[in-house]
Amino acid sequence: MRFINIIGKRFGRLTVGNLSHERVFSCGQRDQYHKCQCDCGVIKIAAKKNLLTGITQSCGCLRRESTSNTGRGNL
């Protein structure tokens, strides 16, 4: 797998900062985690693969806003 530098790039509402930590699984596979700054001001640790695939796009504020806009919040 080739190295992709994502520091300083934006994914949804998140701007990627420095590498937080790396996790190595018993099978030898690695996951990298980055500190990300959300547009709402919250700092979130996110897995690099989730940022690249679009699974993680915000600190959770995007989901809260979309559920409150559809009237499904606080049921």
Protein backbone atom coordinates (compact mmCIF):
# COMPACT_ATOMS: atom_id res chain seq x y z
CA MET A 1 0.00 0.00 0.00
CA ARG A 2 1.42 3.37 -0.93
CA PHE A 3 1.65 6.29 1.48
CA ILE A 4 -0.96 9.04 1.02
CA ASN A 5 -0.35 12.28 2.91
CA ILE A 6 -3.71 13.71 4.01
CA ILE A 7 -2.45 16.29 6.52
CA GLY A 8 -4.03 19.68 5.77
CA LYS A 9 -6.71 18.24 3.47
CA ARG A 10 -10.45 18.55 4.00
CA PHE A 11 -12.91 15.68 4.12
CA GLY A 12 -16.46 16.94 4.55
CA ARG A 13 -16.34 19.30 7.53
CA LEU A 14 -13.03 17.94 8.86
CA THR A 15 -9.56 19.40 8.30
CA VAL A 16 -6.89 16.78 8.93
CA GLY A 17 -4.10 17.53 11.38
CA ASN A 18 -1.14 15.53 12.62
CA LEU A 19 -1.03 11.78 13.06
CA SER A 20 -2.45 10.87 16.46
CA HIS A 21 -1.49 7.20 16.64
CA GLU A 22 -1.25 4.01 14.65
CA ARG A 23 -2.78 0.66 15.40
CA VAL A 24 -1.24 -2.59 14.16
CA PHE A 25 -3.38 -5.70 14.01
CA SER A 26 -2.14 -9.27 14.47
CA CYS A 27 -2.54 -9.88 10.74
CA GLY A 28 -0.03 -7.07 10.06
CA GLN A 29 -2.62 -4.57 8.81
CA ARG A 30 -2.27 -0.99 10.07
CA ASP A 31 -4.75 1.77 10.78
CA GLN A 32 -3.60 5.37 11.13
CA TYR A 33 -5.58 7.88 13.17
CA HIS A 34 -5.40 11.65 12.74
CA LYS A 35 -6.47 14.60 14.87
CA CYS A 36 -9.05 16.50 12.83
CA GLN A 37 -10.62 19.92 13.38
CA CYS A 38 -14.33 20.10 12.56
CA ASP A 39 -15.85 23.31 11.18
CA CYS A 40 -17.90 23.57 14.41
CA GLY A 41 -14.66 23.69 16.45
CA VAL A 42 -14.58 20.16 17.88
CA ILE A 43 -11.39 18.07 17.68
CA LYS A 44 -12.03 14.49 16.55
CA ILE A 45 -9.69 11.53 16.17
CA ALA A 46 -10.56 9.78 12.92
CA ALA A 47 -9.22 6.73 11.10
CA LYS A 48 -7.46 7.59 7.85
CA LYS A 49 -9.32 4.89 5.91
CA ASN A 50 -12.69 6.28 7.10
CA LEU A 51 -11.73 9.78 5.95
CA LEU A 52 -10.58 8.52 2.54
CA THR A 53 -13.72 6.45 1.96
CA GLY A 54 -16.12 9.17 3.16
CA ILE A 55 -17.41 7.23 6.16
CA THR A 56 -16.30 10.03 8.52
CA GLN A 57 -17.16 13.57 7.40
CA SER A 58 -17.68 15.47 10.66
CA CYS A 59 -17.44 15.18 14.44
CA GLY A 60 -21.11 14.13 14.54
CA CYS A 61 -22.56 17.61 14.09
CA LEU A 62 -23.58 16.81 10.50
CA ARG A 63 -25.75 13.90 11.66
CA ARG A 64 -27.28 15.93 14.51
CA GLU A 65 -28.14 18.75 12.09
CA SER A 66 -29.65 16.45 9.47
CA THR A 67 -31.83 14.63 12.02
CA SER A 68 -33.06 17.88 13.56
CA ASN A 69 -33.89 19.27 10.10
CA THR A 70 -36.05 16.25 9.31
CA GLY A 71 -37.85 16.39 12.63
CA ARG A 72 -36.47 13.07 13.80
CA GLY A 73 -34.33 14.44 16.64
CA ASN A 74 -35.34 13.96 20.29
CA LEU A 75 -38.03 11.34 19.68
